[in-house]
Amino acid sequence: MVEVRYFAAIADAVGKAGEHLDLPATATVADLRTALLAAYGADLDPMLKVCAYLVDDELTRDESTPLTARVDVLPPFAGG
């Protein structure tokens, strides 16, 4: 089970701030993206392609990164 937290535009797109997903213990960022596309539709793909993922306090866009118990999905932020 992975706790997924959504921020800013991605939270708006999925309609919630977070959820728990039943993903395998060996799941990666790529597996998370696949699960999110299956749950929310292909329209989410352009946004997911530009998101960063905070896994174990490490910011990554590498799809091979293994997930831990919690991951934050972060779209690009505007402003200063």
PDB file of N, CA and C in Angstrom:
ATOM      1  N   MET A   1       0.849  -1.174   0.000  1.00  0.00           N
ATOM      2  CA  MET A   1       0.000   0.000   0.000  1.00  0.00           C
ATOM      3  C   MET A   1       0.897   1.241   0.000  1.00  0.00           C
ATOM      4  N   VAL A   2       0.601   2.175  -0.892  1.00  0.00           N
ATOM      5  CA  VAL A   2       1.376   3.407  -1.016  1.00  0.00           C
ATOM      6  C   VAL A   2       0.446   4.590  -0.795  1.00  0.00           C
ATOM      7  N   GLU A   3       0.845   5.495   0.086  1.00  0.00           N
ATOM      8  CA  GLU A   3       0.108   6.744   0.261  1.00  0.00           C
ATOM      9  C   GLU A   3       0.587   7.715  -0.809  1.00  0.00           C
ATOM     10  N   VAL A   4      -0.348   8.206  -1.609  1.00  0.00           N
ATOM     11  CA  VAL A   4      -0.024   9.152  -2.675  1.00  0.00           C
ATOM     12  C   VAL A   4      -0.671  10.485  -2.311  1.00  0.00           C
ATOM     13  N   ARG A   5       0.151  11.530  -2.261  1.00  0.00           N
ATOM     14  CA  ARG A   5      -0.371  12.859  -1.977  1.00  0.00           C
ATOM     15  C   ARG A   5      -0.222  13.713  -3.234  1.00  0.00           C
ATOM     16  N   TYR A   6      -1.277  14.463  -3.543  1.00  0.00           N
ATOM     17  CA  TYR A   6      -1.321  15.302  -4.736  1.00  0.00           C
ATOM     18  C   TYR A   6      -1.296  16.768  -4.325  1.00  0.00           C
ATOM     19  N   PHE A   7      -0.649  17.586  -5.139  1.00  0.00           N
ATOM     20  CA  PHE A   7      -0.536  19.008  -4.848  1.00  0.00           C
ATOM     21  C   PHE A   7      -0.915  19.841  -6.067  1.00  0.00           C
ATOM     22  N   ALA A   8      -1.441  21.037  -5.797  1.00  0.00           N
ATOM     23  CA  ALA A   8      -1.737  22.050  -6.810  1.00  0.00           C
ATOM     24  C   ALA A   8      -2.591  21.484  -7.946  1.00  0.00           C
ATOM     25  N   ALA A   9      -2.166  21.690  -9.177  1.00  0.00           N
ATOM     26  CA  ALA A   9      -2.980  21.333 -10.343  1.00  0.00           C
ATOM     27  C   ALA A   9      -3.294  19.841 -10.431  1.00  0.00           C
ATOM     28  N   ILE A  10      -2.385  18.996  -9.997  1.00  0.00           N
ATOM     29  CA  ILE A  10      -2.658  17.556 -10.063  1.00  0.00           C
ATOM     30  C   ILE A  10      -3.744  17.175  -9.058  1.00  0.00           C
ATOM     31  N   ALA A  11      -3.780  17.835  -7.908  1.00  0.00           N
ATOM     32  CA  ALA A  11      -4.850  17.595  -6.939  1.00  0.00           C
ATOM     33  C   ALA A  11      -6.190  18.016  -7.523  1.00  0.00           C
ATOM     34  N   ASP A  12      -6.199  19.135  -8.223  1.00  0.00           N
ATOM     35  CA  ASP A  12      -7.426  19.583  -8.887  1.00  0.00           C
ATOM     36  C   ASP A  12      -7.856  18.587  -9.957  1.00  0.00           C
ATOM     37  N   ALA A  13      -6.891  18.075 -10.709  1.00  0.00           N
ATOM     38  CA  ALA A  13      -7.202  17.160 -11.814  1.00  0.00           C
ATOM     39  C   ALA A  13      -7.795  15.835 -11.330  1.00  0.00           C
ATOM     40  N   VAL A  14      -7.306  15.329 -10.205  1.00  0.00           N
ATOM     41  CA  VAL A  14      -7.823  14.049  -9.694  1.00  0.00           C
ATOM     42  C   VAL A  14      -8.948  14.246  -8.686  1.00  0.00           C
ATOM     43  N   GLY A  15      -9.138  15.490  -8.235  1.00  0.00           N
ATOM     44  CA  GLY A  15     -10.245  15.797  -7.347  1.00  0.00           C
ATOM     45  C   GLY A  15     -10.049  15.423  -5.895  1.00  0.00           C
ATOM     46  N   LYS A  16      -8.792  15.295  -5.485  1.00  0.00           N
ATOM     47  CA  LYS A  16      -8.512  14.961  -4.083  1.00  0.00           C
ATOM     48  C   LYS A  16      -7.070  15.298  -3.743  1.00  0.00           C
ATOM     49  N   ALA A  17      -6.798  15.388  -2.453  1.00  0.00           N
ATOM     50  CA  ALA A  17      -5.455  15.720  -1.994  1.00  0.00           C
ATOM     51  C   ALA A  17      -4.582  14.488  -1.804  1.00  0.00           C
ATOM     52  N   GLY A  18      -5.189  13.325  -1.754  1.00  0.00           N
ATOM     53  CA  GLY A  18      -4.400  12.120  -1.575  1.00  0.00           C
ATOM     54  C   GLY A  18      -5.259  10.881  -1.524  1.00  0.00           C
ATOM     55  N   GLU A  19      -4.593   9.742  -1.565  1.00  0.00           N
ATOM     56  CA  GLU A  19      -5.273   8.454  -1.493  1.00  0.00           C
ATOM     57  C   GLU A  19      -4.230   7.380  -1.231  1.00  0.00           C
ATOM     58  N   HIS A  20      -4.709   6.203  -0.901  1.00  0.00           N
ATOM     59  CA  HIS A  20      -3.840   5.032  -0.745  1.00  0.00           C
ATOM     60  C   HIS A  20      -4.087   4.106  -1.933  1.00  0.00           C
ATOM     61  N   LEU A  21      -3.019   3.684  -2.579  1.00  0.00           N
ATOM     62  CA  LEU A  21      -3.112   2.781  -3.719  1.00  0.00           C
ATOM     63  C   LEU A  21      -2.460   1.452  -3.378  1.00  0.00           C
ATOM     64  N   ASP A  22      -3.102   0.399  -3.803  1.00  0.00           N
ATOM     65  CA  ASP A  22      -2.586  -0.941  -3.587  1.00  0.00           C
ATOM     66  C   ASP A  22      -1.643  -1.287  -4.735  1.00  0.00           C
ATOM     67  N   LEU A  23      -0.373  -0.979  -4.550  1.00  0.00           N
ATOM     68  CA  LEU A  23       0.651  -1.256  -5.557  1.00  0.00           C
ATOM     69  C   LEU A  23       1.611  -2.295  -5.007  1.00  0.00           C
ATOM     70  N   PRO A  24       2.245  -3.073  -5.879  1.00  0.00           N
ATOM     71  CA  PRO A  24       3.191  -4.088  -5.411  1.00  0.00           C
ATOM     72  C   PRO A  24       4.379  -3.455  -4.673  1.00  0.00           C
ATOM     73  N   ALA A  25       5.005  -4.221  -3.834  1.00  0.00           N
ATOM     74  CA  ALA A  25       6.163  -3.745  -3.067  1.00  0.00           C
ATOM     75  C   ALA A  25       7.308  -3.312  -3.980  1.00  0.00           C
ATOM     76  N   THR A  26       7.337  -3.819  -5.185  1.00  0.00           N
ATOM     77  CA  THR A  26       8.404  -3.492  -6.140  1.00  0.00           C
ATOM     78  C   THR A  26       8.014  -2.352  -7.090  1.00  0.00           C
ATOM     79  N   ALA A  27       6.912  -1.666  -6.812  1.00  0.00           N
ATOM     80  CA  ALA A  27       6.404  -0.629  -7.718  1.00  0.00           C
ATOM     81  C   ALA A  27       7.388   0.531  -7.858  1.00  0.00           C
ATOM     82  N   THR A  28       7.376   1.115  -9.049  1.00  0.00           N
ATOM     83  CA  THR A  28       8.226   2.259  -9.372  1.00  0.00           C
ATOM     84  C   THR A  28       7.345   3.459  -9.724  1.00  0.00           C
ATOM     85  N   VAL A  29       7.977   4.585  -9.976  1.00  0.00           N
ATOM     86  CA  VAL A  29       7.249   5.773 -10.429  1.00  0.00           C
ATOM     87  C   VAL A  29       6.474   5.447 -11.704  1.00  0.00           C
ATOM     88  N   ALA A  30       7.046   4.674 -12.603  1.00  0.00           N
ATOM     89  CA  ALA A  30       6.347   4.288 -13.831  1.00  0.00           C
ATOM     90  C   ALA A  30       5.073   3.509 -13.514  1.00  0.00           C
ATOM     91  N   ASP A  31       5.134   2.610 -12.543  1.00  0.00           N
ATOM     92  CA  ASP A  31       3.945   1.848 -12.141  1.00  0.00           C
ATOM     93  C   ASP A  31       2.879   2.773 -11.553  1.00  0.00           C
ATOM     94  N   LEU A  32       3.310   3.757 -10.793  1.00  0.00           N
ATOM     95  CA  LEU A  32       2.371   4.729 -10.242  1.00  0.00           C
ATOM     96  C   LEU A  32       1.684   5.500 -11.363  1.00  0.00           C
ATOM     97  N   ARG A  33       2.451   5.964 -12.329  1.00  0.00           N
ATOM     98  CA  ARG A  33       1.859   6.689 -13.470  1.00  0.00           C
ATOM     99  C   ARG A  33       0.850   5.817 -14.199  1.00  0.00           C
ATOM    100  N   THR A  34       1.183   4.554 -14.413  1.00  0.00           N
ATOM    101  CA  THR A  34       0.265   3.631 -15.081  1.00  0.00           C
ATOM    102  C   THR A  34      -1.022   3.478 -14.283  1.00  0.00           C
ATOM    103  N   ALA A  35      -0.907   3.342 -12.966  1.00  0.00           N
ATOM    104  CA  ALA A  35      -2.085   3.203 -12.112  1.00  0.00           C
ATOM    105  C   ALA A  35      -2.937   4.467 -12.139  1.00  0.00           C
ATOM    106  N   LEU A  36      -2.302   5.628 -12.133  1.00  0.00           N
ATOM    107  CA  LEU A  36      -3.053   6.882 -12.165  1.00  0.00           C
ATOM    108  C   LEU A  36      -3.763   7.082 -13.498  1.00  0.00           C
ATOM    109  N   LEU A  37      -3.117   6.716 -14.583  1.00  0.00           N
ATOM    110  CA  LEU A  37      -3.767   6.812 -15.898  1.00  0.00           C
ATOM    111  C   LEU A  37      -4.952   5.862 -15.992  1.00  0.00           C
ATOM    112  N   ALA A  38      -4.814   4.673 -15.427  1.00  0.00           N
ATOM    113  CA  ALA A  38      -5.917   3.713 -15.427  1.00  0.00           C
ATOM    114  C   ALA A  38      -7.089   4.230 -14.604  1.00  0.00           C
ATOM    115  N   ALA A  39      -6.789   4.892 -13.495  1.00  0.00           N
ATOM    116  CA  ALA A  39      -7.842   5.380 -12.604  1.00  0.00           C
ATOM    117  C   ALA A  39      -8.489   6.666 -13.094  1.00  0.00           C
ATOM    118  N   TYR A  40      -7.704   7.556 -13.692  1.00  0.00           N
ATOM    119  CA  TYR A  40      -8.209   8.895 -14.003  1.00  0.00           C
ATOM    120  C   TYR A  40      -8.264   9.214 -15.497  1.00  0.00           C
ATOM    121  N   GLY A  41      -7.778   8.327 -16.332  1.00  0.00           N
ATOM    122  CA  GLY A  41      -7.888   8.516 -17.772  1.00  0.00           C
ATOM    123  C   GLY A  41      -6.658   9.134 -18.418  1.00  0.00           C
ATOM    124  N   ALA A  42      -6.579   8.942 -19.717  1.00  0.00           N
ATOM    125  CA  ALA A  42      -5.430   9.390 -20.505  1.00  0.00           C
ATOM    126  C   ALA A  42      -5.280  10.906 -20.525  1.00  0.00           C
ATOM    127  N   ASP A  43      -6.350  11.639 -20.233  1.00  0.00           N
ATOM    128  CA  ASP A  43      -6.242  13.098 -20.212  1.00  0.00           C
ATOM    129  C   ASP A  43      -5.250  13.580 -19.160  1.00  0.00           C
ATOM    130  N   LEU A  44      -4.953  12.750 -18.192  1.00  0.00           N
ATOM    131  CA  LEU A  44      -4.016  13.112 -17.131  1.00  0.00           C
ATOM    132  C   LEU A  44      -2.556  12.976 -17.587  1.00  0.00           C
ATOM    133  N   ASP A  45      -2.326  12.261 -18.673  1.00  0.00           N
ATOM    134  CA  ASP A  45      -0.961  11.961 -19.109  1.00  0.00           C
ATOM    135  C   ASP A  45      -0.087  13.194 -19.341  1.00  0.00           C
ATOM    136  N   PRO A  46      -0.570  14.236 -20.043  1.00  0.00           N
ATOM    137  CA  PRO A  46       0.309  15.399 -20.242  1.00  0.00           C
ATOM    138  C   PRO A  46       0.782  16.020 -18.933  1.00  0.00           C
ATOM    139  N   MET A  47      -0.078  16.044 -17.934  1.00  0.00           N
ATOM    140  CA  MET A  47       0.314  16.605 -16.649  1.00  0.00           C
ATOM    141  C   MET A  47       1.305  15.683 -15.934  1.00  0.00           C
ATOM    142  N   LEU A  48       1.053  14.388 -15.955  1.00  0.00           N
ATOM    143  CA  LEU A  48       1.953  13.448 -15.286  1.00  0.00           C
ATOM    144  C   LEU A  48       3.347  13.470 -15.899  1.00  0.00           C
ATOM    145  N   LYS A  49       3.438  13.748 -17.187  1.00  0.00           N
ATOM    146  CA  LYS A  49       4.740  13.787 -17.861  1.00  0.00           C
ATOM    147  C   LYS A  49       5.632  14.907 -17.335  1.00  0.00           C
ATOM    148  N   VAL A  50       5.032  15.975 -16.783  1.00  0.00           N
ATOM    149  CA  VAL A  50       5.832  17.096 -16.295  1.00  0.00           C
ATOM    150  C   VAL A  50       5.914  17.135 -14.772  1.00  0.00           C
ATOM    151  N   CYS A  51       5.253  16.211 -14.109  1.00  0.00           N
ATOM    152  CA  CYS A  51       5.289  16.162 -12.648  1.00  0.00           C
ATOM    153  C   CYS A  51       6.627  15.631 -12.152  1.00  0.00           C
ATOM    154  N   ALA A  52       6.972  16.060 -10.952  1.00  0.00           N
ATOM    155  CA  ALA A  52       8.088  15.476 -10.217  1.00  0.00           C
ATOM    156  C   ALA A  52       7.480  14.662  -9.085  1.00  0.00           C
ATOM    157  N   TYR A  53       8.250  13.738  -8.564  1.00  0.00           N
ATOM    158  CA  TYR A  53       7.777  12.827  -7.516  1.00  0.00           C
ATOM    159  C   TYR A  53       8.744  12.902  -6.346  1.00  0.00           C
ATOM    160  N   LEU A  54       8.209  13.141  -5.169  1.00  0.00           N
ATOM    161  CA  LEU A  54       9.023  13.184  -3.969  1.00  0.00           C
ATOM    162  C   LEU A  54       8.920  11.830  -3.283  1.00  0.00           C
ATOM    163  N   VAL A  55      10.028  11.085  -3.332  1.00  0.00           N
ATOM    164  CA  VAL A  55      10.086   9.735  -2.776  1.00  0.00           C
ATOM    165  C   VAL A  55      11.233   9.710  -1.771  1.00  0.00           C
ATOM    166  N   ASP A  56      10.935   9.416  -0.509  1.00  0.00           N
ATOM    167  CA  ASP A  56      11.973   9.403   0.540  1.00  0.00           C
ATOM    168  C   ASP A  56      12.759  10.707   0.575  1.00  0.00           C
ATOM    169  N   ASP A  57      12.062  11.813   0.505  1.00  0.00           N
ATOM    170  CA  ASP A  57      12.671  13.145   0.554  1.00  0.00           C
ATOM    171  C   ASP A  57      13.616  13.430  -0.608  1.00  0.00           C
ATOM    172  N   GLU A  58      13.517  12.639  -1.667  1.00  0.00           N
ATOM    173  CA  GLU A  58      14.313  12.860  -2.873  1.00  0.00           C
ATOM    174  C   GLU A  58      13.372  13.198  -4.020  1.00  0.00           C
ATOM    175  N   LEU A  59      13.602  14.331  -4.660  1.00  0.00           N
ATOM    176  CA  LEU A  59      12.791  14.741  -5.796  1.00  0.00           C
ATOM    177  C   LEU A  59      13.315  14.055  -7.050  1.00  0.00           C
ATOM    178  N   THR A  60      12.415  13.421  -7.806  1.00  0.00           N
ATOM    179  CA  THR A  60      12.844  12.682  -8.987  1.00  0.00           C
ATOM    180  C   THR A  60      11.815  12.784 -10.101  1.00  0.00           C
ATOM    181  N   ARG A  61      12.285  12.590 -11.300  1.00  0.00           N
ATOM    182  CA  ARG A  61      11.432  12.394 -12.471  1.00  0.00           C
ATOM    183  C   ARG A  61      11.783  11.052 -13.143  1.00  0.00           C
ATOM    184  N   ASP A  62      12.702  10.330 -12.524  1.00  0.00           N
ATOM    185  CA  ASP A  62      13.165   9.046 -13.037  1.00  0.00           C
ATOM    186  C   ASP A  62      12.091   7.987 -12.798  1.00  0.00           C
ATOM    187  N   GLU A  63      11.543   7.456 -13.875  1.00  0.00           N
ATOM    188  CA  GLU A  63      10.440   6.497 -13.771  1.00  0.00           C
ATOM    189  C   GLU A  63      10.861   5.158 -13.178  1.00  0.00           C
ATOM    190  N   SER A  64      12.152   4.894 -13.095  1.00  0.00           N
ATOM    191  CA  SER A  64      12.604   3.627 -12.530  1.00  0.00           C
ATOM    192  C   SER A  64      12.798   3.706 -11.006  1.00  0.00           C
ATOM    193  N   THR A  65      12.555   4.870 -10.430  1.00  0.00           N
ATOM    194  CA  THR A  65      12.712   5.041  -8.983  1.00  0.00           C
ATOM    195  C   THR A  65      11.704   4.172  -8.229  1.00  0.00           C
ATOM    196  N   PRO A  66      12.162   3.332  -7.319  1.00  0.00           N
ATOM    197  CA  PRO A  66      11.238   2.518  -6.521  1.00  0.00           C
ATOM    198  C   PRO A  66      10.437   3.403  -5.568  1.00  0.00           C
ATOM    199  N   LEU A  67       9.180   3.065  -5.394  1.00  0.00           N
ATOM    200  CA  LEU A  67       8.324   3.792  -4.467  1.00  0.00           C
ATOM    201  C   LEU A  67       8.546   3.304  -3.046  1.00  0.00           C
ATOM    202  N   THR A  68       8.219   4.152  -2.096  1.00  0.00           N
ATOM    203  CA  THR A  68       8.240   3.789  -0.690  1.00  0.00           C
ATOM    204  C   THR A  68       6.813   3.913  -0.165  1.00  0.00           C
ATOM    205  N   ALA A  69       6.649   4.006   1.123  1.00  0.00           N
ATOM    206  CA  ALA A  69       5.307   4.039   1.715  1.00  0.00           C
ATOM    207  C   ALA A  69       4.534   5.298   1.346  1.00  0.00           C
ATOM    208  N   ARG A  70       5.250   6.383   1.010  1.00  0.00           N
ATOM    209  CA  ARG A  70       4.565   7.618   0.631  1.00  0.00           C
ATOM    210  C   ARG A  70       5.285   8.283  -0.521  1.00  0.00           C
ATOM    211  N   VAL A  71       4.511   8.818  -1.456  1.00  0.00           N
ATOM    212  CA  VAL A  71       5.055   9.575  -2.577  1.00  0.00           C
ATOM    213  C   VAL A  71       4.177  10.801  -2.801  1.00  0.00           C
ATOM    214  N   ASP A  72       4.821  11.922  -3.039  1.00  0.00           N
ATOM    215  CA  ASP A  72       4.124  13.160  -3.362  1.00  0.00           C
ATOM    216  C   ASP A  72       4.244  13.413  -4.850  1.00  0.00           C
ATOM    217  N   VAL A  73       3.123  13.758  -5.483  1.00  0.00           N
ATOM    218  CA  VAL A  73       3.097  14.052  -6.904  1.00  0.00           C
ATOM    219  C   VAL A  73       3.014  15.572  -7.032  1.00  0.00           C
ATOM    220  N   LEU A  74       4.042  16.157  -7.634  1.00  0.00           N
ATOM    221  CA  LEU A  74       4.203  17.607  -7.675  1.00  0.00           C
ATOM    222  C   LEU A  74       4.248  18.124  -9.110  1.00  0.00           C
ATOM    223  N   PRO A  75       3.227  18.864  -9.527  1.00  0.00           N
ATOM    224  CA  PRO A  75       3.284  19.477 -10.849  1.00  0.00           C
ATOM    225  C   PRO A  75       4.231  20.667 -10.806  1.00  0.00           C
ATOM    226  N   PRO A  76       4.602  21.195 -11.969  1.00  0.00           N
ATOM    227  CA  PRO A  76       5.413  22.415 -11.958  1.00  0.00           C
ATOM    228  C   PRO A  76       4.628  23.542 -11.272  1.00  0.00           C
ATOM    229  N   PHE A  77       5.320  24.325 -10.479  1.00  0.00           N
ATOM    230  CA  PHE A  77       4.685  25.435  -9.784  1.00  0.00           C
ATOM    231  C   PHE A  77       5.074  26.741 -10.458  1.00  0.00           C
ATOM    232  N   ALA A  78       4.124  27.625 -10.627  1.00  0.00           N
ATOM    233  CA  ALA A  78       4.395  28.951 -11.193  1.00  0.00           C
ATOM    234  C   ALA A  78       4.555  29.947 -10.051  1.00  0.00           C
ATOM    235  N   GLY A  79       5.142  31.050 -10.355  1.00  0.00           N
ATOM    236  CA  GLY A  79       5.245  32.097  -9.345  1.00  0.00           C
ATOM    237  C   GLY A  79       6.644  32.178  -8.767  1.00  0.00           C
ATOM    238  N   GLY A  80       6.794  33.013  -7.759  1.00  0.00           N
ATOM    239  CA  GLY A  80       8.135  33.189  -7.254  1.00  0.00           C
ATOM    240  C   GLY A  80       8.206  33.258  -5.779  1.00  0.00           C
TER     241      GLY A  80
END
